[in-house]
N, C-alpha and C. Protein backbone atom coordinates (compact mmCIF):
# COMPACT_ATOMS: atom_id res chain seq x y z
N MET A 1 -23.78 -2.96 13.30
CA MET A 1 -23.12 -2.11 14.26
C MET A 1 -21.81 -1.59 13.67
N ILE A 2 -21.55 -0.33 13.86
CA ILE A 2 -20.30 0.27 13.39
C ILE A 2 -19.19 -0.09 14.36
N ASP A 3 -18.10 -0.59 13.81
CA ASP A 3 -16.95 -0.94 14.63
C ASP A 3 -16.29 0.32 15.17
N ALA A 4 -15.64 0.20 16.30
CA ALA A 4 -14.87 1.31 16.85
C ALA A 4 -13.45 1.23 16.29
N TYR A 5 -12.89 2.37 15.99
CA TYR A 5 -11.52 2.43 15.47
C TYR A 5 -10.67 3.29 16.40
N PHE A 6 -9.39 2.95 16.43
CA PHE A 6 -8.45 3.65 17.30
C PHE A 6 -7.26 4.10 16.47
N LEU A 7 -6.76 5.29 16.76
CA LEU A 7 -5.63 5.85 16.04
C LEU A 7 -4.46 6.00 17.01
N GLY A 8 -3.31 5.49 16.61
CA GLY A 8 -2.11 5.60 17.43
C GLY A 8 -1.04 6.39 16.71
N ILE A 9 -0.25 7.14 17.47
CA ILE A 9 0.81 7.98 16.91
C ILE A 9 2.12 7.62 17.60
N ASP A 10 3.17 7.44 16.80
CA ASP A 10 4.52 7.17 17.31
C ASP A 10 5.48 8.18 16.69
N VAL A 11 6.05 9.04 17.52
CA VAL A 11 7.06 9.98 17.05
C VAL A 11 8.41 9.40 17.44
N GLY A 12 9.11 8.86 16.46
CA GLY A 12 10.39 8.21 16.72
C GLY A 12 11.57 9.08 16.31
N THR A 13 12.74 8.48 16.30
CA THR A 13 13.95 9.24 16.00
C THR A 13 14.11 9.56 14.52
N GLN A 14 13.42 8.82 13.64
CA GLN A 14 13.57 9.05 12.20
C GLN A 14 12.29 9.45 11.50
N SER A 15 11.13 9.16 12.11
CA SER A 15 9.87 9.47 11.44
C SER A 15 8.71 9.46 12.43
N ALA A 16 7.61 10.02 11.96
CA ALA A 16 6.34 9.93 12.70
C ALA A 16 5.50 8.88 12.00
N ARG A 17 4.93 7.96 12.79
CA ARG A 17 4.11 6.89 12.24
C ARG A 17 2.72 6.95 12.86
N VAL A 18 1.73 6.67 12.04
CA VAL A 18 0.34 6.69 12.49
C VAL A 18 -0.31 5.40 12.04
N GLY A 19 -1.11 4.81 12.91
CA GLY A 19 -1.82 3.59 12.57
C GLY A 19 -3.25 3.63 13.07
N ILE A 20 -4.12 2.98 12.34
CA ILE A 20 -5.52 2.84 12.73
C ILE A 20 -5.81 1.35 12.86
N CYS A 21 -6.43 0.97 13.98
CA CYS A 21 -6.83 -0.42 14.17
C CYS A 21 -8.29 -0.46 14.64
N ASP A 22 -8.90 -1.63 14.48
CA ASP A 22 -10.28 -1.78 14.93
C ASP A 22 -10.30 -2.30 16.36
N SER A 23 -11.49 -2.49 16.90
CA SER A 23 -11.63 -2.89 18.30
C SER A 23 -11.15 -4.33 18.56
N ASN A 24 -10.90 -5.09 17.49
CA ASN A 24 -10.34 -6.44 17.63
C ASN A 24 -8.82 -6.43 17.52
N GLY A 25 -8.23 -5.25 17.35
CA GLY A 25 -6.78 -5.13 17.23
C GLY A 25 -6.26 -5.33 15.83
N ARG A 26 -7.15 -5.46 14.86
CA ARG A 26 -6.73 -5.65 13.46
C ARG A 26 -6.25 -4.31 12.90
N LEU A 27 -5.03 -4.31 12.37
CA LEU A 27 -4.46 -3.10 11.80
C LEU A 27 -5.13 -2.80 10.46
N ILE A 28 -5.67 -1.61 10.33
CA ILE A 28 -6.38 -1.20 9.12
C ILE A 28 -5.46 -0.48 8.16
N LYS A 29 -4.67 0.46 8.67
CA LYS A 29 -3.82 1.29 7.81
C LYS A 29 -2.70 1.90 8.63
N THR A 30 -1.52 2.03 8.03
CA THR A 30 -0.42 2.77 8.65
C THR A 30 0.17 3.73 7.62
N THR A 31 0.67 4.84 8.11
CA THR A 31 1.40 5.79 7.27
C THR A 31 2.56 6.34 8.08
N SER A 32 3.54 6.90 7.38
CA SER A 32 4.66 7.52 8.08
C SER A 32 5.24 8.64 7.23
N ARG A 33 5.95 9.51 7.91
CA ARG A 33 6.66 10.59 7.23
C ARG A 33 7.96 10.83 7.98
N ALA A 34 9.06 10.77 7.23
CA ALA A 34 10.39 10.96 7.83
C ALA A 34 10.68 12.45 8.03
N TYR A 35 11.63 12.71 8.93
CA TYR A 35 12.14 14.07 9.10
C TYR A 35 13.65 14.00 9.28
N ARG A 36 14.28 15.15 9.12
CA ARG A 36 15.74 15.19 9.13
C ARG A 36 16.32 15.30 10.53
N THR A 37 17.50 14.76 10.65
CA THR A 37 18.32 14.95 11.84
C THR A 37 19.57 15.71 11.40
N PHE A 38 19.91 16.74 12.14
CA PHE A 38 21.09 17.56 11.83
C PHE A 38 22.21 17.18 12.79
N PHE A 39 23.42 17.21 12.30
CA PHE A 39 24.60 16.88 13.10
C PHE A 39 25.56 18.07 13.06
N PRO A 40 25.29 19.10 13.89
CA PRO A 40 26.07 20.33 13.81
C PRO A 40 27.51 20.20 14.31
N LYS A 41 27.77 19.26 15.20
CA LYS A 41 29.11 19.03 15.74
C LYS A 41 29.26 17.54 15.99
N PRO A 42 30.47 17.06 16.05
CA PRO A 42 30.66 15.64 16.37
C PRO A 42 30.00 15.29 17.71
N GLY A 43 29.24 14.23 17.70
CA GLY A 43 28.55 13.78 18.92
C GLY A 43 27.23 14.48 19.18
N TRP A 44 26.85 15.43 18.36
CA TRP A 44 25.58 16.15 18.52
C TRP A 44 24.58 15.66 17.48
N ALA A 45 23.32 15.65 17.86
CA ALA A 45 22.23 15.36 16.93
C ALA A 45 21.06 16.26 17.31
N GLU A 46 20.49 16.95 16.32
CA GLU A 46 19.39 17.87 16.57
C GLU A 46 18.28 17.65 15.55
N GLN A 47 17.04 17.93 15.99
CA GLN A 47 15.88 17.89 15.11
C GLN A 47 15.03 19.11 15.40
N GLU A 48 14.21 19.48 14.43
CA GLU A 48 13.29 20.60 14.58
C GLU A 48 11.94 20.08 15.06
N PRO A 49 11.47 20.50 16.24
CA PRO A 49 10.15 20.07 16.71
C PRO A 49 9.03 20.40 15.72
N SER A 50 9.17 21.48 14.97
CA SER A 50 8.13 21.81 13.98
C SER A 50 8.07 20.74 12.89
N ASP A 51 9.19 20.08 12.60
CA ASP A 51 9.19 18.98 11.64
C ASP A 51 8.41 17.79 12.19
N TRP A 52 8.54 17.54 13.50
CA TRP A 52 7.77 16.45 14.12
C TRP A 52 6.28 16.72 13.95
N TRP A 53 5.87 17.96 14.27
CA TRP A 53 4.45 18.32 14.21
C TRP A 53 3.91 18.19 12.79
N LYS A 54 4.65 18.69 11.81
CA LYS A 54 4.22 18.59 10.41
C LYS A 54 4.09 17.12 9.99
N ALA A 55 5.05 16.30 10.42
CA ALA A 55 5.01 14.88 10.07
C ALA A 55 3.82 14.17 10.70
N VAL A 56 3.51 14.50 11.96
CA VAL A 56 2.34 13.90 12.63
C VAL A 56 1.06 14.32 11.92
N CYS A 57 0.93 15.61 11.62
CA CYS A 57 -0.29 16.10 10.96
C CYS A 57 -0.47 15.46 9.59
N GLU A 58 0.59 15.43 8.79
CA GLU A 58 0.50 14.85 7.45
C GLU A 58 0.20 13.35 7.51
N SER A 59 0.89 12.64 8.38
CA SER A 59 0.68 11.19 8.48
C SER A 59 -0.73 10.86 8.97
N THR A 60 -1.23 11.65 9.91
CA THR A 60 -2.59 11.43 10.42
C THR A 60 -3.62 11.66 9.33
N ARG A 61 -3.48 12.77 8.63
CA ARG A 61 -4.42 13.10 7.54
C ARG A 61 -4.41 12.00 6.48
N ARG A 62 -3.21 11.58 6.05
CA ARG A 62 -3.11 10.53 5.03
C ARG A 62 -3.68 9.21 5.52
N CYS A 63 -3.40 8.86 6.76
CA CYS A 63 -3.86 7.58 7.30
C CYS A 63 -5.39 7.51 7.30
N VAL A 64 -6.02 8.57 7.75
CA VAL A 64 -7.48 8.59 7.79
C VAL A 64 -8.04 8.57 6.37
N GLU A 65 -7.51 9.41 5.49
CA GLU A 65 -8.01 9.46 4.11
C GLU A 65 -7.85 8.11 3.40
N GLU A 66 -6.67 7.51 3.51
CA GLU A 66 -6.39 6.27 2.79
C GLU A 66 -7.09 5.05 3.41
N SER A 67 -7.49 5.15 4.67
CA SER A 67 -8.17 4.02 5.31
C SER A 67 -9.62 3.90 4.85
N GLY A 68 -10.20 5.03 4.42
CA GLY A 68 -11.61 5.03 4.05
C GLY A 68 -12.55 5.09 5.24
N ILE A 69 -12.00 5.26 6.43
CA ILE A 69 -12.80 5.33 7.65
C ILE A 69 -13.20 6.78 7.91
N LYS A 70 -14.44 6.99 8.30
CA LYS A 70 -14.88 8.34 8.64
C LYS A 70 -14.19 8.78 9.94
N PRO A 71 -13.68 10.00 9.97
CA PRO A 71 -13.04 10.48 11.20
C PRO A 71 -13.94 10.34 12.43
N SER A 72 -15.25 10.49 12.25
CA SER A 72 -16.16 10.38 13.39
C SER A 72 -16.26 8.96 13.94
N ASP A 73 -15.79 7.96 13.17
CA ASP A 73 -15.79 6.57 13.65
C ASP A 73 -14.53 6.22 14.44
N ILE A 74 -13.57 7.15 14.49
CA ILE A 74 -12.36 6.94 15.30
C ILE A 74 -12.68 7.43 16.70
N THR A 75 -12.72 6.48 17.63
CA THR A 75 -13.20 6.80 18.98
C THR A 75 -12.09 6.96 20.00
N GLY A 76 -10.89 6.66 19.63
CA GLY A 76 -9.81 6.79 20.60
C GLY A 76 -8.47 6.75 19.95
């Protein structure tokens, strides 16, 4: 029987992280990609949403490729 795999995404303040685990909760692979924070004025912090999206896409692609799991086996 083919195990079910699950992919999780976390977009945090410094990076996007992606992980794949099996149906028993065993972590198979994680990847991450950092993005920049800009400080245009004292007390301000800004980020580009397009950087978040690029980081999520890249981390997801790398996580699946490096895990060796077929994308069709990721069920959730």
